[in-house]
């Protein structure tokens, strides 16, 4: 994999990691800004929401407390990493298109 492709895929992965974190911080500390975020902005978080919901259900089905600190941190970290991997995959798939649009292909 050449360095241009690595940077491109890494940027997509970083976007997948930082986008949900940014939205959560805006919603938490934005003093009302979180309510004004349109739904099309939060649409890329749909895979993240489904995975978090499924993992929370798995913890409670196993007899655990999903509100406890360790399961919450574990679920959050795993979901963020899966989201980063998902978006890195999208970047990997879109690399040929981006390369052609830049005139290098």
N, C-alpha and C. Protein backbone atom coordinates (compact mmCIF):
# COMPACT_ATOMS: atom_id res chain seq x y z
N UNK A 1 0.86 -1.18 0.00
CA UNK A 1 0.00 0.00 0.00
C UNK A 1 0.90 1.24 0.00
N UNK A 2 0.68 2.14 -0.95
CA UNK A 2 1.51 3.34 -1.01
C UNK A 2 1.12 4.32 0.09
N UNK A 3 1.98 5.33 0.29
CA UNK A 3 1.76 6.25 1.42
C UNK A 3 0.51 7.11 1.22
N UNK A 4 0.19 7.45 -0.03
CA UNK A 4 -1.02 8.24 -0.28
C UNK A 4 -2.26 7.48 0.14
N UNK A 5 -2.29 6.20 -0.18
CA UNK A 5 -3.45 5.39 0.19
C UNK A 5 -3.52 5.21 1.70
N UNK A 6 -2.35 5.02 2.34
CA UNK A 6 -2.34 4.88 3.80
C UNK A 6 -2.87 6.13 4.47
N UNK A 7 -2.44 7.29 3.99
CA UNK A 7 -2.92 8.54 4.57
C UNK A 7 -4.42 8.72 4.36
N UNK A 8 -4.87 8.36 3.18
CA UNK A 8 -6.29 8.50 2.85
C UNK A 8 -7.15 7.60 3.73
N UNK A 9 -6.75 6.34 3.84
CA UNK A 9 -7.51 5.38 4.66
C UNK A 9 -7.43 5.77 6.14
N UNK A 10 -6.26 6.22 6.58
CA UNK A 10 -6.10 6.66 7.98
C UNK A 10 -6.97 7.87 8.28
N UNK A 11 -7.09 8.78 7.33
CA UNK A 11 -7.94 9.95 7.53
C UNK A 11 -9.40 9.53 7.67
N UNK A 12 -9.84 8.56 6.88
CA UNK A 12 -11.21 8.06 7.01
C UNK A 12 -11.41 7.39 8.37
N UNK A 13 -10.43 6.61 8.81
CA UNK A 13 -10.52 5.96 10.12
C UNK A 13 -10.56 6.98 11.24
N UNK A 14 -9.75 8.02 11.12
CA UNK A 14 -9.74 9.08 12.13
C UNK A 14 -11.08 9.82 12.16
N UNK A 15 -11.65 10.02 10.99
CA UNK A 15 -12.98 10.63 10.92
C UNK A 15 -14.01 9.75 11.64
N UNK A 16 -13.93 8.45 11.42
CA UNK A 16 -14.85 7.53 12.08
C UNK A 16 -14.68 7.50 13.59
N UNK A 17 -13.48 7.80 14.06
CA UNK A 17 -13.22 7.83 15.49
C UNK A 17 -13.64 9.16 16.11
N UNK A 18 -13.32 10.26 15.45
CA UNK A 18 -13.54 11.58 16.05
C UNK A 18 -14.95 12.14 15.84
N UNK A 19 -15.64 11.71 14.79
CA UNK A 19 -16.98 12.25 14.52
C UNK A 19 -17.95 11.97 15.66
N UNK A 20 -18.09 10.72 16.13
CA UNK A 20 -19.03 10.49 17.24
C UNK A 20 -18.58 11.16 18.53
N UNK A 21 -17.27 11.21 18.76
CA UNK A 21 -16.77 11.86 19.98
C UNK A 21 -17.12 13.35 19.95
N UNK A 22 -16.94 13.98 18.81
CA UNK A 22 -17.27 15.39 18.66
C UNK A 22 -18.75 15.65 18.89
N UNK A 23 -19.60 14.80 18.31
CA UNK A 23 -21.04 14.99 18.50
C UNK A 23 -21.46 14.80 19.95
N UNK A 24 -20.85 13.84 20.62
CA UNK A 24 -21.17 13.63 22.04
C UNK A 24 -20.73 14.83 22.86
N UNK A 25 -19.54 15.35 22.58
CA UNK A 25 -19.06 16.52 23.33
C UNK A 25 -19.91 17.75 23.06
N UNK A 26 -20.34 17.93 21.81
CA UNK A 26 -21.23 19.06 21.51
C UNK A 26 -22.56 18.89 22.24
N UNK A 27 -23.09 17.68 22.22
CA UNK A 27 -24.36 17.44 22.91
C UNK A 27 -24.24 17.60 24.41
N UNK A 28 -23.10 17.23 24.97
CA UNK A 28 -22.92 17.29 26.42
C UNK A 28 -22.60 18.70 26.91
N UNK A 29 -21.69 19.37 26.22
CA UNK A 29 -21.21 20.67 26.70
C UNK A 29 -21.64 21.84 25.82
N UNK A 30 -22.48 21.60 24.84
CA UNK A 30 -22.86 22.64 23.89
C UNK A 30 -23.97 23.56 24.36
N UNK A 31 -24.55 23.31 25.52
CA UNK A 31 -25.61 24.15 26.09
C UNK A 31 -26.72 24.40 25.08
N UNK A 32 -27.34 23.31 24.61
CA UNK A 32 -28.47 23.42 23.70
C UNK A 32 -28.10 23.24 22.24
N UNK A 33 -26.81 23.26 21.92
CA UNK A 33 -26.40 23.06 20.53
C UNK A 33 -26.71 21.65 20.04
N UNK A 34 -26.67 20.67 20.93
CA UNK A 34 -26.91 19.29 20.54
C UNK A 34 -28.32 19.06 20.00
N UNK A 35 -29.28 19.84 20.48
CA UNK A 35 -30.65 19.68 20.01
C UNK A 35 -30.84 20.24 18.61
N UNK A 36 -29.93 21.13 18.19
CA UNK A 36 -30.05 21.76 16.88
C UNK A 36 -29.32 21.01 15.77
N UNK A 37 -28.70 19.88 16.09
CA UNK A 37 -27.97 19.12 15.07
C UNK A 37 -28.99 18.41 14.19
N UNK A 38 -28.97 18.66 12.88
CA UNK A 38 -29.94 18.00 12.00
C UNK A 38 -29.69 16.50 11.89
N UNK A 39 -30.72 15.77 11.52
CA UNK A 39 -30.63 14.31 11.50
C UNK A 39 -29.67 13.79 10.44
N UNK A 40 -29.49 14.51 9.33
CA UNK A 40 -28.56 14.02 8.31
C UNK A 40 -27.12 14.07 8.80
N UNK A 41 -26.82 14.88 9.80
CA UNK A 41 -25.47 14.92 10.36
C UNK A 41 -25.22 13.69 11.22
N UNK A 42 -26.24 13.25 11.93
CA UNK A 42 -26.06 12.09 12.80
C UNK A 42 -26.27 10.77 12.07
N UNK A 43 -26.72 10.79 10.84
CA UNK A 43 -26.96 9.56 10.09
C UNK A 43 -25.71 8.67 9.96
N UNK A 44 -24.49 9.22 9.80
CA UNK A 44 -23.32 8.33 9.73
C UNK A 44 -23.06 7.55 11.01
N UNK A 45 -23.73 7.90 12.10
CA UNK A 45 -23.54 7.19 13.36
C UNK A 45 -24.47 6.00 13.51
N UNK A 46 -25.29 5.70 12.51
CA UNK A 46 -26.25 4.61 12.62
C UNK A 46 -25.57 3.26 12.89
N UNK A 47 -24.48 2.89 12.20
CA UNK A 47 -23.84 1.61 12.55
C UNK A 47 -23.35 1.59 14.00
N UNK A 48 -22.86 2.72 14.46
CA UNK A 48 -22.38 2.85 15.83
C UNK A 48 -23.50 2.62 16.83
N UNK A 49 -24.67 3.15 16.56
CA UNK A 49 -25.81 3.02 17.47
C UNK A 49 -26.27 1.57 17.57
N UNK A 50 -26.34 0.88 16.42
CA UNK A 50 -26.78 -0.52 16.43
C UNK A 50 -25.81 -1.40 17.21
N UNK A 51 -24.52 -1.19 17.02
CA UNK A 51 -23.52 -2.01 17.72
C UNK A 51 -23.57 -1.74 19.22
N UNK A 52 -23.68 -0.48 19.61
CA UNK A 52 -23.75 -0.15 21.04
C UNK A 52 -24.99 -0.77 21.68
N UNK A 53 -26.11 -0.72 20.99
CA UNK A 53 -27.35 -1.30 21.50
C UNK A 53 -27.22 -2.82 21.66
N UNK A 54 -26.65 -3.47 20.65
CA UNK A 54 -26.49 -4.93 20.72
C UNK A 54 -25.54 -5.33 21.84
N UNK A 55 -24.44 -4.58 22.02
CA UNK A 55 -23.50 -4.92 23.08
C UNK A 55 -24.10 -4.67 24.46
N UNK A 56 -24.89 -3.61 24.60
CA UNK A 56 -25.54 -3.34 25.88
C UNK A 56 -26.54 -4.44 26.21
N UNK A 57 -27.25 -4.92 25.21
CA UNK A 57 -28.19 -6.03 25.44
C UNK A 57 -27.44 -7.31 25.80
N UNK A 58 -26.29 -7.53 25.19
CA UNK A 58 -25.51 -8.73 25.50
C UNK A 58 -25.02 -8.71 26.95
N UNK A 59 -24.65 -7.53 27.45
CA UNK A 59 -24.19 -7.42 28.84
C UNK A 59 -25.34 -7.72 29.80
N UNK A 60 -26.52 -7.18 29.53
CA UNK A 60 -27.64 -7.41 30.45
C UNK A 60 -28.15 -8.84 30.34
N UNK A 61 -28.09 -9.44 29.14
CA UNK A 61 -28.53 -10.83 28.99
C UNK A 61 -27.59 -11.79 29.72
N UNK A 62 -26.33 -11.40 29.87
CA UNK A 62 -25.38 -12.25 30.57
C UNK A 62 -25.48 -12.07 32.08
N UNK A 63 -26.39 -11.23 32.54
CA UNK A 63 -26.58 -11.03 33.97
C UNK A 63 -25.82 -9.85 34.53
N UNK A 64 -25.17 -9.08 33.66
CA UNK A 64 -24.41 -7.93 34.11
C UNK A 64 -25.25 -6.67 34.14
N UNK A 65 -24.68 -5.63 34.69
CA UNK A 65 -25.33 -4.33 34.78
C UNK A 65 -24.72 -3.43 33.70
N UNK A 66 -25.49 -3.10 32.67
CA UNK A 66 -24.95 -2.29 31.58
C UNK A 66 -24.66 -0.86 32.01
N UNK A 67 -25.16 -0.43 33.16
CA UNK A 67 -24.89 0.92 33.64
C UNK A 67 -23.62 0.98 34.47
N UNK A 68 -23.00 -0.14 34.77
CA UNK A 68 -21.75 -0.15 35.51
C UNK A 68 -20.64 0.47 34.67
N UNK A 69 -19.59 0.95 35.32
CA UNK A 69 -18.54 1.70 34.64
C UNK A 69 -17.75 0.85 33.65
N UNK A 70 -17.31 -0.33 34.05
CA UNK A 70 -16.46 -1.14 33.17
C UNK A 70 -17.18 -1.59 31.91
N UNK A 71 -18.40 -2.14 31.98
CA UNK A 71 -19.07 -2.48 30.72
C UNK A 71 -19.32 -1.26 29.83
N UNK A 72 -19.63 -0.13 30.44
CA UNK A 72 -19.87 1.07 29.65
C UNK A 72 -18.62 1.52 28.93
N UNK A 73 -17.49 1.55 29.63
CA UNK A 73 -16.23 1.94 28.98
C UNK A 73 -15.81 0.93 27.93
N UNK A 74 -16.00 -0.35 28.22
CA UNK A 74 -15.64 -1.39 27.25
C UNK A 74 -16.49 -1.28 26.00
N UNK A 75 -17.79 -1.12 26.18
CA UNK A 75 -18.70 -0.99 25.04
C UNK A 75 -18.35 0.27 24.24
N UNK A 76 -18.12 1.38 24.91
CA UNK A 76 -17.79 2.63 24.22
C UNK A 76 -16.50 2.50 23.42
N UNK A 77 -15.47 1.93 24.03
CA UNK A 77 -14.19 1.78 23.33
C UNK A 77 -14.32 0.84 22.14
N UNK A 78 -15.02 -0.27 22.33
CA UNK A 78 -15.19 -1.23 21.24
C UNK A 78 -16.00 -0.64 20.09
N UNK A 79 -17.04 0.09 20.43
CA UNK A 79 -17.88 0.70 19.40
C UNK A 79 -17.10 1.77 18.63
N UNK A 80 -16.32 2.58 19.32
CA UNK A 80 -15.53 3.60 18.63
C UNK A 80 -14.49 2.97 17.71
N UNK A 81 -13.85 1.90 18.17
CA UNK A 81 -12.87 1.23 17.31
C UNK A 81 -13.54 0.57 16.11
N UNK A 82 -14.70 -0.04 16.32
CA UNK A 82 -15.43 -0.62 15.19
C UNK A 82 -15.89 0.45 14.21
N UNK A 83 -16.29 1.59 14.72
CA UNK A 83 -16.70 2.68 13.85
C UNK A 83 -15.51 3.20 13.04
N UNK A 84 -14.35 3.32 13.70
CA UNK A 84 -13.14 3.74 12.98
C UNK A 84 -12.79 2.72 11.90
N UNK A 85 -12.90 1.44 12.22
CA UNK A 85 -12.60 0.40 11.23
C UNK A 85 -13.61 0.44 10.08
N UNK A 86 -14.87 0.68 10.39
CA UNK A 86 -15.90 0.77 9.35
C UNK A 86 -15.60 1.91 8.39
N UNK A 87 -15.26 3.08 8.92
CA UNK A 87 -14.97 4.23 8.07
C UNK A 87 -13.64 4.07 7.34
N UNK A 88 -12.67 3.41 7.95
CA UNK A 88 -11.42 3.11 7.24
C UNK A 88 -11.71 2.18 6.06
N UNK A 89 -12.62 1.25 6.25
CA UNK A 89 -13.04 0.37 5.16
C UNK A 89 -13.71 1.15 4.04
N UNK A 90 -14.54 2.12 4.40
CA UNK A 90 -15.14 2.98 3.38
C UNK A 90 -14.08 3.76 2.63
N UNK A 91 -13.08 4.23 3.35
CA UNK A 91 -11.97 4.94 2.70
C UNK A 91 -11.20 4.03 1.77
N UNK A 92 -10.98 2.79 2.19
CA UNK A 92 -10.26 1.84 1.36
C UNK A 92 -11.05 1.54 0.09
N UNK A 93 -12.37 1.40 0.24
CA UNK A 93 -13.21 1.14 -0.93
C UNK A 93 -13.30 2.34 -1.87
N UNK A 94 -13.24 3.54 -1.32
CA UNK A 94 -13.38 4.73 -2.16
C UNK A 94 -12.05 5.23 -2.71
N UNK A 95 -10.93 4.60 -2.33
CA UNK A 95 -9.63 5.04 -2.80
C UNK A 95 -9.51 5.07 -4.32
N UNK A 96 -9.95 4.04 -5.05
CA UNK A 96 -9.82 4.12 -6.52
C UNK A 96 -10.58 5.31 -7.12
N UNK A 97 -11.72 5.64 -6.57
CA UNK A 97 -12.50 6.77 -7.07
C UNK A 97 -11.77 8.08 -6.77
N UNK A 98 -11.25 8.21 -5.55
CA UNK A 98 -10.53 9.42 -5.17
C UNK A 98 -9.26 9.57 -6.01
N UNK A 99 -8.61 8.48 -6.29
CA UNK A 99 -7.39 8.52 -7.10
C UNK A 99 -7.70 9.00 -8.52
N UNK A 100 -8.78 8.51 -9.09
CA UNK A 100 -9.18 8.94 -10.44
C UNK A 100 -9.60 10.41 -10.45
N UNK A 101 -10.32 10.84 -9.40
CA UNK A 101 -10.76 12.24 -9.35
C UNK A 101 -9.59 13.19 -9.19
N UNK A 102 -8.51 12.75 -8.56
CA UNK A 102 -7.33 13.59 -8.41
C UNK A 102 -6.48 13.61 -9.66
N UNK A 103 -6.82 12.76 -10.64
CA UNK A 103 -6.08 12.75 -11.88
C UNK A 103 -4.81 11.92 -11.86
N UNK A 104 -4.69 11.03 -10.88
CA UNK A 104 -3.49 10.20 -10.78
C UNK A 104 -3.71 8.82 -11.37
N UNK A 105 -4.92 8.49 -11.73
CA UNK A 105 -5.18 7.13 -12.15
C UNK A 105 -5.53 7.08 -13.55
